[in-house]
């Protein structure tokens, strides 16, 4: 089986947190400044968005079901052009 090529389509992410988000990927720290839009290849953007949304959902203190909070944060993180 031939390995699938990663999707490198430029994808824009917004960090809605008051804190910078740094997450290691493949031995290298990926940086998302607080309240700024950053561009990543889609395969990396999806990974970072998931981890940022999980962090925000756990910290927000909302009484909403976790999966709903996660979806709400992901909606805020992905920038729609």
C-alpha atoms as a PDB file:
ATOM      1  CA  UNK A   1       0.000   0.000   0.000  1.00  0.00           C
ATOM      2  CA  UNK A   2       1.302   3.423  -0.970  1.00  0.00           C
ATOM      3  CA  UNK A   3       1.363   5.904   1.937  1.00  0.00           C
ATOM      4  CA  UNK A   4      -1.057   8.791   1.563  1.00  0.00           C
ATOM      5  CA  UNK A   5       0.520  12.208   1.040  1.00  0.00           C
ATOM      6  CA  UNK A   6      -0.279  14.646   3.859  1.00  0.00           C
ATOM      7  CA  UNK A   7      -2.674  17.461   2.954  1.00  0.00           C
ATOM      8  CA  UNK A   8      -0.542  20.599   2.829  1.00  0.00           C
ATOM      9  CA  UNK A   9      -3.357  22.990   1.916  1.00  0.00           C
ATOM     10  CA  UNK A  10      -2.771  26.244   3.838  1.00  0.00           C
ATOM     11  CA  UNK A  11      -5.204  26.346   6.763  1.00  0.00           C
ATOM     12  CA  UNK A  12      -5.785  29.346   9.002  1.00  0.00           C
ATOM     13  CA  UNK A  13      -6.201  28.941  12.753  1.00  0.00           C
ATOM     14  CA  UNK A  14      -7.127  31.539  15.360  1.00  0.00           C
ATOM     15  CA  UNK A  15      -5.984  31.232  18.961  1.00  0.00           C
ATOM     16  CA  UNK A  16      -8.881  32.735  20.998  1.00  0.00           C
ATOM     17  CA  UNK A  17      -7.014  32.230  24.272  1.00  0.00           C
ATOM     18  CA  UNK A  18      -5.383  35.034  26.243  1.00  0.00           C
ATOM     19  CA  UNK A  19      -2.279  32.823  26.311  1.00  0.00           C
ATOM     20  CA  UNK A  20       0.078  31.768  23.533  1.00  0.00           C
ATOM     21  CA  UNK A  21      -0.318  28.102  22.589  1.00  0.00           C
ATOM     22  CA  UNK A  22       2.811  26.001  22.080  1.00  0.00           C
ATOM     23  CA  UNK A  23       2.508  22.339  21.177  1.00  0.00           C
ATOM     24  CA  UNK A  24       5.285  19.936  20.147  1.00  0.00           C
ATOM     25  CA  UNK A  25       4.877  18.180  16.827  1.00  0.00           C
ATOM     26  CA  UNK A  26       7.464  15.791  15.427  1.00  0.00           C
ATOM     27  CA  UNK A  27      10.122  17.116  17.807  1.00  0.00           C
ATOM     28  CA  UNK A  28       9.510  20.773  16.999  1.00  0.00           C
ATOM     29  CA  UNK A  29       7.435  23.292  18.968  1.00  0.00           C
ATOM     30  CA  UNK A  30       4.558  24.818  17.019  1.00  0.00           C
ATOM     31  CA  UNK A  31       3.598  28.311  18.153  1.00  0.00           C
ATOM     32  CA  UNK A  32       0.207  30.030  17.987  1.00  0.00           C
ATOM     33  CA  UNK A  33       0.293  33.564  19.403  1.00  0.00           C
ATOM     34  CA  UNK A  34      -2.587  34.659  21.592  1.00  0.00           C
ATOM     35  CA  UNK A  35      -5.535  36.186  19.707  1.00  0.00           C
ATOM     36  CA  UNK A  36      -3.815  35.978  16.330  1.00  0.00           C
ATOM     37  CA  UNK A  37      -4.338  34.028  13.125  1.00  0.00           C
ATOM     38  CA  UNK A  38      -1.592  31.608  12.091  1.00  0.00           C
ATOM     39  CA  UNK A  39      -1.266  29.498   8.927  1.00  0.00           C
ATOM     40  CA  UNK A  40      -0.290  25.822   8.955  1.00  0.00           C
ATOM     41  CA  UNK A  41      -0.512  22.978   6.445  1.00  0.00           C
ATOM     42  CA  UNK A  42      -3.894  21.275   6.910  1.00  0.00           C
ATOM     43  CA  UNK A  43      -2.501  18.047   8.393  1.00  0.00           C
ATOM     44  CA  UNK A  44      -0.727  20.058  11.116  1.00  0.00           C
ATOM     45  CA  UNK A  45      -3.558  22.580  11.555  1.00  0.00           C
ATOM     46  CA  UNK A  46      -6.017  19.763  12.282  1.00  0.00           C
ATOM     47  CA  UNK A  47      -3.694  18.316  14.905  1.00  0.00           C
ATOM     48  CA  UNK A  48      -3.032  21.663  16.594  1.00  0.00           C
ATOM     49  CA  UNK A  49      -6.682  22.720  16.496  1.00  0.00           C
ATOM     50  CA  UNK A  50      -7.696  19.498  18.232  1.00  0.00           C
ATOM     51  CA  UNK A  51      -5.212  20.001  21.057  1.00  0.00           C
ATOM     52  CA  UNK A  52      -5.956  23.698  21.486  1.00  0.00           C
ATOM     53  CA  UNK A  53      -9.717  23.000  21.560  1.00  0.00           C
ATOM     54  CA  UNK A  54      -9.223  20.247  24.147  1.00  0.00           C
ATOM     55  CA  UNK A  55      -7.180  22.596  26.333  1.00  0.00           C
ATOM     56  CA  UNK A  56      -9.758  25.383  26.080  1.00  0.00           C
ATOM     57  CA  UNK A  57     -12.723  23.047  26.646  1.00  0.00           C
ATOM     58  CA  UNK A  58     -11.148  21.681  29.822  1.00  0.00           C
ATOM     59  CA  UNK A  59     -10.334  25.172  31.111  1.00  0.00           C
ATOM     60  CA  UNK A  60     -13.552  27.033  30.301  1.00  0.00           C
ATOM     61  CA  UNK A  61     -15.509  25.781  33.312  1.00  0.00           C
ATOM     62  CA  UNK A  62     -18.728  25.563  31.333  1.00  0.00           C
ATOM     63  CA  UNK A  63     -21.482  23.161  32.375  1.00  0.00           C
ATOM     64  CA  UNK A  64     -22.081  22.237  28.724  1.00  0.00           C
ATOM     65  CA  UNK A  65     -21.266  18.634  27.744  1.00  0.00           C
ATOM     66  CA  UNK A  66     -17.549  18.257  26.900  1.00  0.00           C
ATOM     67  CA  UNK A  67     -18.118  17.223  23.267  1.00  0.00           C
ATOM     68  CA  UNK A  68     -20.327  20.278  22.703  1.00  0.00           C
ATOM     69  CA  UNK A  69     -17.700  22.564  24.264  1.00  0.00           C
ATOM     70  CA  UNK A  70     -15.049  20.964  22.076  1.00  0.00           C
ATOM     71  CA  UNK A  71     -17.121  21.588  18.936  1.00  0.00           C
ATOM     72  CA  UNK A  72     -17.760  25.186  19.996  1.00  0.00           C
ATOM     73  CA  UNK A  73     -14.035  25.839  20.470  1.00  0.00           C
ATOM     74  CA  UNK A  74     -13.118  24.176  17.173  1.00  0.00           C
ATOM     75  CA  UNK A  75     -15.627  26.445  15.438  1.00  0.00           C
ATOM     76  CA  UNK A  76     -13.831  29.463  16.913  1.00  0.00           C
ATOM     77  CA  UNK A  77     -10.339  28.165  16.074  1.00  0.00           C
ATOM     78  CA  UNK A  78     -10.807  27.377  12.355  1.00  0.00           C
ATOM     79  CA  UNK A  79     -10.861  30.588  10.289  1.00  0.00           C
ATOM     80  CA  UNK A  80     -13.386  30.465   7.463  1.00  0.00           C
ATOM     81  CA  UNK A  81     -12.397  32.576   4.478  1.00  0.00           C
END
